[in-house]
N, C-alpha and C. Protein backbone atom coordinates (compact mmCIF):
# COMPACT_ATOMS: atom_id res chain seq x y z
N MET A 1 101.09 130.48 73.52
CA MET A 1 100.26 129.77 74.34
C MET A 1 101.09 129.57 75.71
N SER A 2 100.54 129.63 76.83
CA SER A 2 101.17 129.57 78.11
C SER A 2 101.15 128.15 78.61
N TYR A 3 100.70 127.06 77.91
CA TYR A 3 100.83 125.78 78.41
C TYR A 3 100.94 124.83 77.34
N THR A 4 101.15 123.55 77.62
CA THR A 4 101.19 122.54 76.64
C THR A 4 100.54 121.26 77.28
N ALA A 5 99.62 120.65 76.62
CA ALA A 5 98.94 119.50 77.19
C ALA A 5 99.17 118.31 76.29
N GLU A 6 99.35 117.09 76.94
CA GLU A 6 99.62 115.90 76.04
C GLU A 6 99.16 114.67 76.97
N ASN A 7 98.63 113.68 76.37
CA ASN A 7 98.33 112.45 77.09
C ASN A 7 99.47 111.53 76.81
N TYR A 8 100.10 110.98 77.95
CA TYR A 8 101.31 110.09 77.67
C TYR A 8 101.09 108.86 76.77
N GLU A 9 99.87 108.47 76.87
CA GLU A 9 99.61 107.33 75.86
C GLU A 9 99.61 107.67 74.37
N ASP A 10 99.64 108.90 74.15
CA ASP A 10 99.78 109.30 72.73
C ASP A 10 101.20 109.58 72.35
N VAL A 11 102.14 109.54 73.26
CA VAL A 11 103.52 109.74 73.01
C VAL A 11 104.20 108.37 72.74
N GLU A 12 105.03 108.20 71.71
CA GLU A 12 105.65 107.01 71.37
C GLU A 12 106.59 106.59 72.37
N GLN A 13 106.63 105.31 72.67
CA GLN A 13 107.45 104.83 73.65
C GLN A 13 108.86 104.61 73.11
N LEU A 14 109.79 105.25 73.87
CA LEU A 14 111.17 105.15 73.36
C LEU A 14 111.87 103.89 73.93
N ALA A 15 111.34 103.27 74.84
CA ALA A 15 111.80 101.95 75.51
C ALA A 15 110.55 101.23 75.81
N PRO A 16 110.61 99.94 76.08
CA PRO A 16 109.28 99.32 76.50
C PRO A 16 108.73 99.84 77.70
N GLY A 17 107.48 100.29 77.67
CA GLY A 17 106.70 100.86 78.74
C GLY A 17 107.11 102.15 79.25
N MET A 18 107.96 102.89 78.57
CA MET A 18 108.54 104.19 78.88
C MET A 18 107.97 105.27 77.94
N HIS A 19 107.36 106.23 78.50
CA HIS A 19 106.87 107.38 77.68
C HIS A 19 107.49 108.64 78.12
N PHE A 20 108.61 109.17 77.37
CA PHE A 20 109.36 110.30 77.66
C PHE A 20 108.61 111.48 77.21
N MET A 21 108.19 112.34 78.13
CA MET A 21 107.28 113.46 77.78
C MET A 21 107.97 114.91 77.62
N ARG A 22 109.18 115.00 77.86
CA ARG A 22 109.96 116.31 77.75
C ARG A 22 109.68 116.97 76.38
N ASN A 23 109.94 116.32 75.38
CA ASN A 23 109.60 116.88 74.07
C ASN A 23 108.22 117.14 73.76
N ALA A 24 107.38 116.12 74.01
CA ALA A 24 105.88 116.33 73.76
C ALA A 24 105.23 117.55 74.54
N LEU A 25 105.88 117.75 75.69
CA LEU A 25 105.33 118.88 76.44
C LEU A 25 106.17 120.18 76.25
N ASP A 26 107.14 120.19 75.42
CA ASP A 26 107.97 121.31 75.05
C ASP A 26 108.67 121.86 76.25
N CYS A 27 109.26 121.08 77.15
CA CYS A 27 109.86 121.42 78.39
C CYS A 27 111.21 121.93 78.18
N ASP A 28 111.75 123.01 78.61
CA ASP A 28 113.08 123.44 78.46
C ASP A 28 114.00 122.74 79.44
N ASN A 29 113.62 122.59 80.67
CA ASN A 29 114.54 121.89 81.63
C ASN A 29 113.98 120.70 82.34
N LEU A 30 112.73 120.62 82.52
CA LEU A 30 112.03 119.48 83.25
C LEU A 30 111.84 118.33 82.32
N GLY A 31 112.18 117.11 82.82
CA GLY A 31 111.96 115.89 82.11
C GLY A 31 110.91 115.14 82.90
N VAL A 32 109.97 114.53 82.21
CA VAL A 32 108.85 113.78 82.80
C VAL A 32 108.65 112.52 81.99
N THR A 33 108.78 111.32 82.74
CA THR A 33 108.71 110.08 82.22
C THR A 33 107.54 109.27 82.89
N VAL A 34 106.65 108.62 82.08
CA VAL A 34 105.69 107.71 82.75
C VAL A 34 106.09 106.38 82.29
N ILE A 35 106.21 105.51 83.31
CA ILE A 35 106.57 104.13 83.08
C ILE A 35 105.20 103.24 83.38
N GLU A 36 104.81 102.40 82.40
CA GLU A 36 103.89 101.35 82.61
C GLU A 36 104.59 100.08 82.56
N ALA A 37 104.92 99.56 83.75
CA ALA A 37 105.65 98.30 83.81
C ALA A 37 104.89 96.95 83.96
N ASP A 38 105.22 95.91 83.17
CA ASP A 38 104.74 94.69 83.51
C ASP A 38 105.43 94.09 84.63
N ALA A 39 104.84 93.05 85.27
CA ALA A 39 105.54 92.31 86.34
C ALA A 39 106.78 91.80 85.77
N GLY A 40 107.92 91.97 86.62
CA GLY A 40 109.19 91.56 86.15
C GLY A 40 110.00 92.61 85.38
N TRP A 41 109.45 93.76 85.14
CA TRP A 41 110.18 94.93 84.35
C TRP A 41 111.31 95.28 85.22
N GLU A 42 112.54 95.38 84.53
CA GLU A 42 113.73 95.86 85.17
C GLU A 42 114.33 97.05 84.21
N GLY A 43 114.70 98.04 84.82
CA GLY A 43 115.33 99.11 84.16
C GLY A 43 116.94 98.94 84.16
N LYS A 44 117.60 99.73 83.47
CA LYS A 44 119.02 99.50 83.45
C LYS A 44 119.61 100.53 84.52
N GLU A 45 120.73 100.12 85.19
CA GLU A 45 121.39 100.99 86.12
C GLU A 45 121.99 102.17 85.36
N HIS A 46 121.78 103.35 85.98
CA HIS A 46 122.29 104.52 85.38
C HIS A 46 122.30 105.64 86.41
N ASP A 47 122.83 106.87 86.05
CA ASP A 47 122.98 108.07 86.90
C ASP A 47 122.88 109.25 86.01
N HIS A 48 122.77 110.35 86.50
CA HIS A 48 122.63 111.63 85.70
C HIS A 48 123.66 112.60 86.18
N ALA A 49 124.81 112.11 86.45
CA ALA A 49 125.98 113.08 86.80
C ALA A 49 126.35 114.00 85.73
N ASP A 50 126.35 113.59 84.44
CA ASP A 50 126.74 114.36 83.50
C ASP A 50 125.92 115.57 83.22
N GLU A 51 124.58 115.36 83.42
CA GLU A 51 123.53 116.36 83.21
C GLU A 51 123.25 117.20 84.51
N GLY A 52 123.72 116.59 85.66
CA GLY A 52 123.40 117.35 86.86
C GLY A 52 121.95 117.27 87.24
N GLU A 53 121.26 116.26 86.80
CA GLU A 53 119.76 116.18 86.99
C GLU A 53 119.32 115.39 88.11
N GLU A 54 118.72 115.97 89.20
CA GLU A 54 118.13 115.24 90.13
C GLU A 54 116.69 114.68 89.71
N GLU A 55 116.38 113.56 90.21
CA GLU A 55 115.06 113.02 89.84
C GLU A 55 114.20 112.56 91.00
N VAL A 56 112.82 112.73 90.84
CA VAL A 56 111.98 112.18 91.87
C VAL A 56 111.01 111.12 91.12
N TYR A 57 111.02 109.92 91.78
CA TYR A 57 110.30 108.78 91.33
C TYR A 57 108.99 108.62 92.17
N VAL A 58 107.80 108.62 91.56
CA VAL A 58 106.53 108.45 92.31
C VAL A 58 105.82 107.20 91.83
N LEU A 59 105.55 106.31 92.66
CA LEU A 59 104.89 105.04 92.37
C LEU A 59 103.46 105.29 92.39
N LEU A 60 102.66 105.20 91.39
CA LEU A 60 101.29 105.49 91.41
C LEU A 60 100.42 104.27 91.83
N ASP A 61 100.92 103.14 91.25
CA ASP A 61 100.16 101.88 91.63
C ASP A 61 101.23 100.72 91.43
N GLY A 62 100.91 99.54 92.04
CA GLY A 62 101.86 98.46 92.02
C GLY A 62 102.84 98.38 93.15
N SER A 63 104.01 97.66 92.91
CA SER A 63 105.06 97.57 93.89
C SER A 63 106.29 97.24 93.10
N GLY A 64 107.41 97.59 93.77
CA GLY A 64 108.67 97.26 93.24
C GLY A 64 109.80 97.67 94.12
N ARG A 65 110.90 97.87 93.64
CA ARG A 65 112.15 98.17 94.44
C ARG A 65 113.04 99.02 93.43
N MET A 66 113.82 99.87 94.25
CA MET A 66 114.81 100.72 93.52
C MET A 66 116.16 100.55 94.14
N THR A 67 117.23 100.27 93.52
CA THR A 67 118.45 100.13 94.11
C THR A 67 119.18 101.46 93.79
N ILE A 68 119.56 102.20 94.94
CA ILE A 68 120.29 103.41 94.87
C ILE A 68 121.63 103.21 95.39
N GLU A 69 122.73 103.33 94.62
CA GLU A 69 124.05 102.93 95.00
C GLU A 69 123.95 101.49 95.43
N ASP A 70 124.18 101.04 96.58
CA ASP A 70 124.05 99.64 96.92
C ASP A 70 122.92 99.39 97.88
N GLU A 71 122.06 100.42 98.01
CA GLU A 71 120.91 100.14 99.03
C GLU A 71 119.64 99.95 98.24
N GLU A 72 118.91 98.95 98.61
CA GLU A 72 117.65 98.55 98.00
C GLU A 72 116.51 99.32 98.77
N VAL A 73 115.61 99.88 98.11
CA VAL A 73 114.51 100.58 98.74
C VAL A 73 113.19 100.01 98.04
N SER A 74 112.33 99.48 99.03
CA SER A 74 111.14 98.93 98.61
C SER A 74 110.18 100.08 98.25
N LEU A 75 109.27 99.74 97.26
CA LEU A 75 108.36 100.68 96.80
C LEU A 75 106.88 100.24 96.72
N ASP A 76 106.04 100.92 97.35
CA ASP A 76 104.63 100.54 97.37
C ASP A 76 103.94 101.83 96.83
N ALA A 77 102.64 101.64 96.28
CA ALA A 77 101.90 102.67 95.72
C ALA A 77 101.74 103.90 96.61
N GLY A 78 102.13 105.12 96.09
CA GLY A 78 102.16 106.31 96.88
C GLY A 78 103.53 106.80 97.35
N ASP A 79 104.49 105.88 97.30
CA ASP A 79 105.88 106.18 97.64
C ASP A 79 106.58 107.17 96.70
N ALA A 80 107.40 108.03 97.12
CA ALA A 80 108.14 108.96 96.34
C ALA A 80 109.63 108.92 96.92
N VAL A 81 110.55 109.02 95.92
CA VAL A 81 111.98 108.86 96.30
C VAL A 81 112.69 109.89 95.43
N ARG A 82 113.50 110.79 95.98
CA ARG A 82 114.38 111.69 95.29
C ARG A 82 115.76 111.03 95.28
N VAL A 83 116.41 111.27 94.14
CA VAL A 83 117.83 110.59 93.82
C VAL A 83 118.71 111.82 93.38
N ASP A 84 119.90 111.86 94.15
CA ASP A 84 120.83 112.82 93.58
C ASP A 84 121.42 112.54 92.21
N PRO A 85 121.94 113.55 91.52
CA PRO A 85 122.24 113.37 90.07
C PRO A 85 123.43 112.27 90.02
N ASP A 86 124.38 112.27 90.93
CA ASP A 86 125.49 111.36 90.67
C ASP A 86 125.37 109.98 91.33
N ALA A 87 124.21 109.61 91.88
CA ALA A 87 123.84 108.43 92.52
C ALA A 87 123.42 107.39 91.38
N SER A 88 123.95 106.21 91.45
CA SER A 88 123.37 105.18 90.49
C SER A 88 122.07 104.68 91.04
N ARG A 89 121.19 104.33 90.03
CA ARG A 89 119.90 103.87 90.45
C ARG A 89 119.45 102.86 89.37
N ARG A 90 118.64 102.01 89.82
CA ARG A 90 117.99 100.92 89.04
C ARG A 90 116.66 100.55 89.41
N LEU A 91 115.65 100.42 88.72
CA LEU A 91 114.21 100.09 89.06
C LEU A 91 113.98 98.62 88.77
N ALA A 92 113.08 98.04 89.47
CA ALA A 92 112.53 96.76 89.11
C ALA A 92 111.12 96.83 89.85
N PHE A 93 110.21 96.22 89.02
CA PHE A 93 108.89 96.01 89.54
C PHE A 93 108.41 94.52 89.70
N ASP A 94 107.66 94.25 90.85
CA ASP A 94 107.23 92.90 91.09
C ASP A 94 105.85 92.63 90.54
N GLU A 95 105.15 93.71 90.11
CA GLU A 95 103.93 93.43 89.52
C GLU A 95 103.54 94.59 88.62
N GLU A 96 102.49 94.57 87.81
CA GLU A 96 102.17 95.64 87.04
C GLU A 96 102.11 96.96 87.81
N SER A 97 102.78 97.88 87.25
CA SER A 97 102.92 99.10 88.05
C SER A 97 102.96 100.30 87.12
N THR A 98 102.66 101.64 87.67
CA THR A 98 102.69 102.70 86.92
C THR A 98 103.50 103.81 87.85
N MET A 99 104.53 104.35 87.17
CA MET A 99 105.34 105.26 87.92
C MET A 99 105.48 106.56 87.09
N VAL A 100 105.65 107.68 87.83
CA VAL A 100 105.96 108.88 87.09
C VAL A 100 107.39 109.40 87.69
N ILE A 101 108.26 109.81 86.67
CA ILE A 101 109.52 110.23 87.13
C ILE A 101 109.69 111.70 86.63
N ALA A 102 110.08 112.65 87.46
CA ALA A 102 110.32 113.96 87.14
C ALA A 102 111.84 114.32 87.47
N GLY A 103 112.49 115.04 86.54
CA GLY A 103 113.84 115.33 86.77
C GLY A 103 114.16 116.66 86.18
N ALA A 104 115.08 117.41 86.86
CA ALA A 104 115.58 118.60 86.32
C ALA A 104 116.99 119.01 86.98
N PRO A 105 117.77 119.83 86.29
CA PRO A 105 119.03 120.19 86.86
C PRO A 105 118.82 121.17 88.05
């Protein structure tokens, strides 16, 4: 088969509000995560230096902020941000929000 289809709501959450789609979609390199965040949701600070994986974050609805290194970036629906693999990042949402994250080396 030349494609794989999956609904993120059918994928078990590995962390609260986080649906990791890489395995469900049988991706070799690309990681895709859907976040359904409640107001006040905060992610952990992390980077992907070891994996060499850059990421693109797209906020579909809601609002929040992303701290990249020491700079805070405000996010509104429709905003997209690309982050280098070695840059630390942390997400926080002010209201119920939905975000898609895609990453690959």
